[in-house]
N, C-alpha and C. Protein backbone atom coordinates (compact mmCIF):
# COMPACT_ATOMS: atom_id res chain seq x y z
N MET A 1 43.80 45.90 -67.76
CA MET A 1 43.19 45.43 -68.99
C MET A 1 43.31 43.90 -69.05
N ALA A 2 42.23 43.25 -69.42
CA ALA A 2 42.20 41.80 -69.49
C ALA A 2 43.13 41.28 -70.58
N PRO A 3 43.76 40.14 -70.33
CA PRO A 3 44.58 39.53 -71.38
C PRO A 3 43.73 39.22 -72.61
N ALA A 4 44.32 39.33 -73.77
CA ALA A 4 43.61 39.05 -75.02
C ALA A 4 43.34 37.57 -75.14
N ALA A 5 42.19 37.23 -75.70
CA ALA A 5 41.78 35.83 -75.82
C ALA A 5 42.84 34.98 -76.51
N GLY A 6 43.44 35.45 -77.57
CA GLY A 6 44.43 34.66 -78.29
C GLY A 6 45.76 34.52 -77.59
N SER A 7 45.96 35.30 -76.53
CA SER A 7 47.25 35.27 -75.84
C SER A 7 47.25 34.40 -74.58
N VAL A 8 46.13 33.77 -74.29
CA VAL A 8 45.98 32.96 -73.07
C VAL A 8 45.87 31.49 -73.45
N ALA A 9 46.66 30.66 -72.77
CA ALA A 9 46.64 29.22 -73.06
C ALA A 9 46.52 28.42 -71.78
N VAL A 10 45.93 27.25 -71.90
CA VAL A 10 45.85 26.33 -70.76
C VAL A 10 47.26 26.09 -70.24
N GLY A 11 47.41 26.19 -68.93
CA GLY A 11 48.71 26.00 -68.30
C GLY A 11 49.42 27.30 -67.96
N ASP A 12 48.98 28.42 -68.54
CA ASP A 12 49.58 29.71 -68.19
C ASP A 12 49.40 29.95 -66.70
N GLU A 13 50.46 30.43 -66.06
CA GLU A 13 50.42 30.70 -64.63
C GLU A 13 50.21 32.19 -64.37
N LEU A 14 49.38 32.48 -63.37
CA LEU A 14 49.20 33.85 -62.92
C LEU A 14 50.34 34.21 -61.98
N PRO A 15 50.69 35.49 -61.87
CA PRO A 15 51.69 35.88 -60.89
C PRO A 15 51.22 35.49 -59.49
N PRO A 16 52.07 34.86 -58.69
CA PRO A 16 51.64 34.45 -57.35
C PRO A 16 51.39 35.66 -56.45
N LEU A 17 50.62 35.42 -55.41
CA LEU A 17 50.28 36.46 -54.44
C LEU A 17 50.50 35.89 -53.05
N THR A 18 51.23 36.60 -52.21
CA THR A 18 51.43 36.21 -50.82
C THR A 18 50.88 37.32 -49.94
N VAL A 19 50.03 36.94 -48.99
CA VAL A 19 49.37 37.92 -48.14
C VAL A 19 49.55 37.53 -46.68
N ALA A 20 49.93 38.51 -45.86
CA ALA A 20 49.98 38.31 -44.41
C ALA A 20 48.61 38.67 -43.85
N VAL A 21 47.94 37.68 -43.27
CA VAL A 21 46.64 37.90 -42.64
C VAL A 21 46.90 38.10 -41.16
N THR A 22 46.69 39.31 -40.70
CA THR A 22 46.95 39.66 -39.30
C THR A 22 45.63 39.89 -38.57
N ARG A 23 45.72 39.97 -37.25
CA ARG A 23 44.51 40.21 -36.47
C ARG A 23 43.87 41.55 -36.83
N ASP A 24 44.67 42.57 -37.09
CA ASP A 24 44.06 43.85 -37.45
C ASP A 24 43.33 43.75 -38.79
N ARG A 25 43.83 42.92 -39.71
CA ARG A 25 43.12 42.69 -40.98
C ARG A 25 41.77 42.01 -40.70
N LEU A 26 41.76 41.08 -39.74
CA LEU A 26 40.50 40.41 -39.38
C LEU A 26 39.48 41.41 -38.83
N VAL A 27 39.95 42.34 -38.02
CA VAL A 27 39.05 43.35 -37.45
C VAL A 27 38.49 44.24 -38.55
N ARG A 28 39.35 44.66 -39.47
CA ARG A 28 38.88 45.50 -40.59
C ARG A 28 37.89 44.73 -41.46
N TYR A 29 38.17 43.44 -41.71
CA TYR A 29 37.25 42.65 -42.51
C TYR A 29 35.91 42.48 -41.79
N ALA A 30 35.97 42.26 -40.49
CA ALA A 30 34.72 42.12 -39.72
C ALA A 30 33.87 43.37 -39.85
N GLY A 31 34.50 44.53 -39.77
CA GLY A 31 33.75 45.77 -39.90
C GLY A 31 33.15 45.94 -41.28
N ALA A 32 33.89 45.56 -42.31
CA ALA A 32 33.40 45.71 -43.69
C ALA A 32 32.30 44.70 -43.99
N SER A 33 32.42 43.49 -43.45
CA SER A 33 31.47 42.43 -43.79
C SER A 33 30.30 42.32 -42.82
N GLY A 34 30.49 42.85 -41.62
CA GLY A 34 29.45 42.71 -40.59
C GLY A 34 29.53 41.37 -39.86
N ASP A 35 30.58 40.59 -40.11
CA ASP A 35 30.75 39.28 -39.47
C ASP A 35 31.65 39.45 -38.24
N PHE A 36 31.01 39.64 -37.10
CA PHE A 36 31.74 39.86 -35.85
C PHE A 36 31.80 38.61 -34.98
N ASN A 37 31.68 37.44 -35.60
CA ASN A 37 31.76 36.19 -34.85
C ASN A 37 33.06 36.18 -34.05
N PRO A 38 33.01 35.93 -32.74
CA PRO A 38 34.21 36.02 -31.92
C PRO A 38 35.29 34.97 -32.25
N ILE A 39 34.98 33.96 -33.03
CA ILE A 39 36.05 33.01 -33.41
C ILE A 39 37.08 33.68 -34.29
N HIS A 40 36.74 34.87 -34.80
CA HIS A 40 37.65 35.61 -35.67
C HIS A 40 38.46 36.67 -34.93
N TRP A 41 38.29 36.75 -33.59
CA TRP A 41 39.09 37.74 -32.86
C TRP A 41 39.37 37.37 -31.40
N ASN A 42 38.69 36.35 -30.87
CA ASN A 42 38.82 36.03 -29.45
C ASN A 42 39.37 34.60 -29.27
N ASP A 43 40.59 34.51 -28.75
CA ASP A 43 41.23 33.20 -28.56
C ASP A 43 40.43 32.29 -27.65
N ARG A 44 39.87 32.83 -26.57
CA ARG A 44 39.13 32.02 -25.61
C ARG A 44 37.91 31.38 -26.28
N VAL A 45 37.17 32.14 -27.04
CA VAL A 45 35.98 31.61 -27.72
C VAL A 45 36.39 30.60 -28.79
N ALA A 46 37.42 30.92 -29.56
CA ALA A 46 37.87 29.99 -30.60
C ALA A 46 38.26 28.65 -29.98
N SER A 47 39.00 28.68 -28.89
CA SER A 47 39.40 27.43 -28.21
C SER A 47 38.19 26.69 -27.65
N ALA A 48 37.24 27.44 -27.10
CA ALA A 48 36.05 26.83 -26.49
C ALA A 48 35.22 26.04 -27.50
N VAL A 49 35.27 26.43 -28.78
CA VAL A 49 34.50 25.71 -29.79
C VAL A 49 35.36 24.70 -30.55
N GLY A 50 36.58 24.46 -30.05
CA GLY A 50 37.42 23.41 -30.61
C GLY A 50 38.36 23.83 -31.72
N LEU A 51 38.49 25.11 -31.95
CA LEU A 51 39.41 25.57 -32.98
C LEU A 51 40.82 25.69 -32.40
N PRO A 52 41.84 25.60 -33.25
CA PRO A 52 43.22 25.70 -32.76
C PRO A 52 43.63 27.12 -32.39
N GLY A 53 42.76 28.08 -32.63
CA GLY A 53 43.01 29.49 -32.33
C GLY A 53 42.07 30.33 -33.17
N VAL A 54 42.26 31.63 -33.12
CA VAL A 54 41.45 32.55 -33.93
C VAL A 54 41.68 32.21 -35.40
N ILE A 55 40.60 32.17 -36.16
CA ILE A 55 40.73 31.83 -37.59
C ILE A 55 40.24 32.99 -38.45
N ALA A 56 40.82 33.06 -39.63
CA ALA A 56 40.38 34.06 -40.61
C ALA A 56 38.99 33.72 -41.10
N HIS A 57 38.25 34.73 -41.46
CA HIS A 57 36.95 34.53 -42.09
C HIS A 57 37.15 33.75 -43.39
N GLY A 58 36.34 32.76 -43.62
CA GLY A 58 36.44 32.02 -44.86
C GLY A 58 36.25 32.92 -46.07
N MET A 59 35.34 33.85 -45.97
CA MET A 59 35.08 34.75 -47.09
C MET A 59 36.26 35.70 -47.33
N LEU A 60 37.04 35.98 -46.29
CA LEU A 60 38.26 36.78 -46.48
C LEU A 60 39.26 35.97 -47.31
N THR A 61 39.41 34.71 -46.97
CA THR A 61 40.31 33.84 -47.73
C THR A 61 39.85 33.75 -49.18
N MET A 62 38.54 33.63 -49.38
CA MET A 62 38.00 33.60 -50.74
C MET A 62 38.29 34.93 -51.45
N ALA A 63 38.15 36.03 -50.74
CA ALA A 63 38.44 37.34 -51.34
C ALA A 63 39.89 37.44 -51.79
N LEU A 64 40.80 36.82 -51.04
CA LEU A 64 42.20 36.83 -51.45
C LEU A 64 42.38 36.07 -52.77
N ALA A 65 41.65 34.96 -52.92
CA ALA A 65 41.67 34.22 -54.19
C ALA A 65 41.14 35.12 -55.31
N GLY A 66 40.09 35.85 -55.00
CA GLY A 66 39.54 36.79 -55.97
C GLY A 66 40.53 37.88 -56.34
N ARG A 67 41.30 38.33 -55.36
CA ARG A 67 42.31 39.37 -55.63
C ARG A 67 43.38 38.87 -56.60
N LEU A 68 43.80 37.62 -56.41
CA LEU A 68 44.77 37.04 -57.33
C LEU A 68 44.24 37.12 -58.76
N VAL A 69 42.98 36.77 -58.92
CA VAL A 69 42.36 36.74 -60.25
C VAL A 69 42.15 38.16 -60.79
N THR A 70 41.60 39.05 -59.97
CA THR A 70 41.34 40.41 -60.46
C THR A 70 42.62 41.15 -60.79
N ASP A 71 43.69 40.90 -60.04
CA ASP A 71 44.97 41.52 -60.38
C ASP A 71 45.41 41.11 -61.78
N TRP A 72 45.16 39.86 -62.14
CA TRP A 72 45.59 39.34 -63.44
C TRP A 72 44.67 39.79 -64.57
N VAL A 73 43.36 39.80 -64.30
CA VAL A 73 42.41 40.08 -65.37
C VAL A 73 42.15 41.58 -65.54
N GLY A 74 42.69 42.40 -64.65
CA GLY A 74 42.57 43.84 -64.83
C GLY A 74 41.45 44.50 -64.04
N GLY A 75 40.88 43.81 -63.08
CA GLY A 75 39.85 44.41 -62.23
C GLY A 75 38.68 43.47 -62.03
N PRO A 76 37.81 43.82 -61.08
CA PRO A 76 36.69 42.93 -60.75
C PRO A 76 35.66 42.79 -61.87
N GLY A 77 35.60 43.75 -62.78
CA GLY A 77 34.64 43.66 -63.88
C GLY A 77 34.92 42.52 -64.84
N GLY A 78 36.14 41.99 -64.79
CA GLY A 78 36.49 40.88 -65.67
C GLY A 78 36.12 39.52 -65.13
N VAL A 79 35.67 39.47 -63.88
CA VAL A 79 35.32 38.18 -63.26
C VAL A 79 33.84 37.89 -63.50
N VAL A 80 33.59 36.78 -64.16
CA VAL A 80 32.22 36.35 -64.43
C VAL A 80 31.68 35.54 -63.26
N GLU A 81 32.54 34.70 -62.69
CA GLU A 81 32.12 33.80 -61.61
C GLU A 81 33.34 33.43 -60.77
N LEU A 82 33.12 33.26 -59.46
CA LEU A 82 34.16 32.82 -58.55
C LEU A 82 33.51 31.90 -57.52
N GLY A 83 34.08 30.73 -57.33
CA GLY A 83 33.54 29.80 -56.35
C GLY A 83 34.64 29.01 -55.69
N VAL A 84 34.42 28.65 -54.42
CA VAL A 84 35.38 27.85 -53.67
C VAL A 84 34.62 26.97 -52.69
N THR A 85 35.32 25.99 -52.15
CA THR A 85 34.86 25.30 -50.95
C THR A 85 35.95 25.54 -49.91
N PHE A 86 35.54 25.60 -48.66
CA PHE A 86 36.48 25.85 -47.58
C PHE A 86 36.91 24.52 -46.99
N THR A 87 38.23 24.25 -47.02
CA THR A 87 38.72 22.94 -46.61
C THR A 87 39.47 22.95 -45.28
N ARG A 88 40.16 24.04 -44.96
CA ARG A 88 40.90 24.15 -43.70
C ARG A 88 40.89 25.60 -43.26
N PRO A 89 40.94 25.83 -41.96
CA PRO A 89 40.98 27.21 -41.49
C PRO A 89 42.39 27.79 -41.57
N VAL A 90 42.45 29.10 -41.67
CA VAL A 90 43.70 29.84 -41.57
C VAL A 90 43.76 30.38 -40.15
N VAL A 91 44.66 29.80 -39.36
CA VAL A 91 44.79 30.20 -37.95
C VAL A 91 45.70 31.43 -37.90
N VAL A 92 45.21 32.48 -37.26
CA VAL A 92 45.91 33.76 -37.24
C VAL A 92 46.45 34.03 -35.84
N PRO A 93 47.77 33.97 -35.68
CA PRO A 93 48.34 34.22 -34.35
C PRO A 93 48.21 35.68 -33.95
N ASN A 94 48.30 35.92 -32.65
CA ASN A 94 48.19 37.27 -32.12
C ASN A 94 49.59 37.90 -32.06
N ASP A 95 50.13 38.17 -33.25
CA ASP A 95 51.44 38.80 -33.36
C ASP A 95 51.44 39.72 -34.58
N ASP A 96 52.55 40.37 -34.82
CA ASP A 96 52.61 41.31 -35.95
C ASP A 96 52.76 40.62 -37.30
N ALA A 97 53.27 39.39 -37.31
CA ALA A 97 53.49 38.68 -38.57
C ALA A 97 52.21 38.09 -39.15
N GLY A 98 51.33 37.61 -38.29
CA GLY A 98 50.09 37.00 -38.75
C GLY A 98 50.31 35.66 -39.42
N ALA A 99 49.38 35.29 -40.28
CA ALA A 99 49.41 34.02 -41.01
C ALA A 99 49.69 34.34 -42.47
N THR A 100 50.62 33.62 -43.06
CA THR A 100 50.96 33.84 -44.47
C THR A 100 50.12 32.92 -45.35
N VAL A 101 49.36 33.53 -46.25
CA VAL A 101 48.55 32.78 -47.22
C VAL A 101 49.20 32.98 -48.59
N GLU A 102 49.51 31.86 -49.23
CA GLU A 102 50.16 31.88 -50.55
C GLU A 102 49.15 31.44 -51.59
N LEU A 103 48.97 32.26 -52.61
CA LEU A 103 47.99 31.98 -53.65
C LEU A 103 48.68 31.88 -55.00
N THR A 104 48.27 30.87 -55.75
CA THR A 104 48.75 30.69 -57.11
C THR A 104 47.55 30.39 -58.00
N GLY A 105 47.72 30.62 -59.28
CA GLY A 105 46.63 30.35 -60.21
C GLY A 105 47.18 29.90 -61.54
N VAL A 106 46.39 29.11 -62.21
CA VAL A 106 46.77 28.60 -63.53
C VAL A 106 45.52 28.58 -64.42
N VAL A 107 45.71 28.86 -65.69
CA VAL A 107 44.60 28.79 -66.63
C VAL A 107 44.28 27.32 -66.84
N GLY A 108 43.06 26.94 -66.47
CA GLY A 108 42.64 25.54 -66.56
C GLY A 108 41.89 25.22 -67.84
N ALA A 109 41.29 26.24 -68.44
CA ALA A 109 40.54 26.05 -69.68
C ALA A 109 40.35 27.40 -70.35
N VAL A 110 40.25 27.37 -71.66
CA VAL A 110 39.97 28.57 -72.44
C VAL A 110 38.82 28.26 -73.38
N ASP A 111 37.82 29.13 -73.39
CA ASP A 111 36.70 29.02 -74.33
C ASP A 111 36.80 30.21 -75.27
N GLU A 112 37.46 30.01 -76.39
CA GLU A 112 37.70 31.12 -77.32
C GLU A 112 36.40 31.66 -77.89
N GLN A 113 35.43 30.78 -78.10
CA GLN A 113 34.15 31.23 -78.66
C GLN A 113 33.45 32.18 -77.69
N ALA A 114 33.47 31.86 -76.40
CA ALA A 114 32.83 32.70 -75.40
C ALA A 114 33.73 33.85 -74.96
N GLY A 115 35.01 33.76 -75.26
CA GLY A 115 35.95 34.79 -74.83
C GLY A 115 36.22 34.75 -73.34
N THR A 116 36.25 33.52 -72.78
CA THR A 116 36.46 33.37 -71.34
C THR A 116 37.56 32.35 -71.06
N ALA A 117 38.02 32.38 -69.84
CA ALA A 117 38.99 31.39 -69.37
C ALA A 117 38.61 30.98 -67.96
N ARG A 118 38.91 29.74 -67.63
CA ARG A 118 38.73 29.26 -66.24
C ARG A 118 40.10 29.31 -65.57
N ILE A 119 40.12 29.93 -64.41
CA ILE A 119 41.34 30.02 -63.62
C ILE A 119 41.19 29.12 -62.41
N ASP A 120 42.13 28.21 -62.23
CA ASP A 120 42.16 27.32 -61.08
C ASP A 120 43.12 27.92 -60.05
N VAL A 121 42.59 28.21 -58.88
CA VAL A 121 43.36 28.89 -57.84
C VAL A 121 43.71 27.91 -56.72
N THR A 122 44.92 28.02 -56.23
CA THR A 122 45.35 27.26 -55.06
C THR A 122 45.72 28.25 -53.97
N ALA A 123 45.16 28.06 -52.78
CA ALA A 123 45.49 28.89 -51.61
C ALA A 123 46.07 27.97 -50.55
N ARG A 124 47.25 28.33 -50.06
CA ARG A 124 47.92 27.49 -49.06
C ARG A 124 48.27 28.30 -47.83
N PHE A 125 48.17 27.62 -46.69
CA PHE A 125 48.60 28.16 -45.41
C PHE A 125 49.39 27.04 -44.73
N GLN A 126 50.60 27.35 -44.34
CA GLN A 126 51.50 26.37 -43.73
C GLN A 126 51.61 25.11 -44.59
N GLY A 127 51.69 25.32 -45.90
CA GLY A 127 51.88 24.22 -46.84
C GLY A 127 50.64 23.40 -47.14
N GLN A 128 49.52 23.71 -46.52
CA GLN A 128 48.29 22.95 -46.76
C GLN A 128 47.27 23.80 -47.51
N THR A 129 46.54 23.15 -48.38
CA THR A 129 45.50 23.83 -49.15
C THR A 129 44.34 24.20 -48.23
N VAL A 130 43.88 25.46 -48.34
CA VAL A 130 42.79 25.92 -47.48
C VAL A 130 41.50 26.18 -48.26
N LEU A 131 41.59 26.17 -49.58
CA LEU A 131 40.40 26.29 -50.43
C LEU A 131 40.39 25.13 -51.41
N GLY A 132 39.24 24.54 -51.58
CA GLY A 132 39.08 23.47 -52.56
C GLY A 132 38.25 23.96 -53.71
N LYS A 133 38.41 23.37 -54.87
CA LYS A 133 37.64 23.71 -56.05
C LYS A 133 37.56 25.22 -56.25
N ALA A 134 38.66 25.90 -56.00
CA ALA A 134 38.70 27.36 -56.17
C ALA A 134 38.88 27.65 -57.65
N ARG A 135 37.81 28.16 -58.25
CA ARG A 135 37.81 28.42 -59.70
C ARG A 135 37.13 29.73 -59.99
N ALA A 136 37.67 30.40 -60.97
CA ALA A 136 37.05 31.65 -61.45
C ALA A 136 36.91 31.55 -62.96
N THR A 137 35.83 32.12 -63.45
CA THR A 137 35.68 32.30 -64.88
C THR A 137 35.85 33.79 -65.16
N VAL A 138 36.73 34.10 -66.12
CA VAL A 138 37.02 35.50 -66.43
C VAL A 138 36.78 35.78 -67.90
N ARG A 139 36.45 37.05 -68.17
CA ARG A 139 36.31 37.52 -69.56
C ARG A 139 37.68 37.92 -70.07
N LEU A 140 37.98 37.51 -71.26
CA LEU A 140 39.24 37.89 -71.88
C LEU A 140 39.01 39.09 -72.80
N GLY A 141 40.06 39.84 -73.03
CA GLY A 141 39.95 41.05 -73.85
C GLY A 141 39.96 40.76 -75.32
């Protein structure tokens, strides 16, 4: 259930989310999305195009930002809009641990008349931001 409009204030923090992005997660995402670009599963191809290794799909990283928001707002139906820019790749090693993506969110604005809030999301990998201008607009209850 979405937080009530009167109970949300600018500066409120969403519960953080930490996700291990592993190679098997990349394979499952490729199957679901239809994006079988070999930079997302083949070290040789990733290196050949100048990448530091196999990288996560940008849209997978964006989906993780969306998960942070939907977990807080009570489901995907509460999200009015979600947008990001991709600033750095998430390099996924070929091991069981994978790459750790840490997501945090904060209420950046509240529009009580519209019954919405803007959530500013930060996604980090190895201490660096991997999404820029990551913002969601959500409906409040």
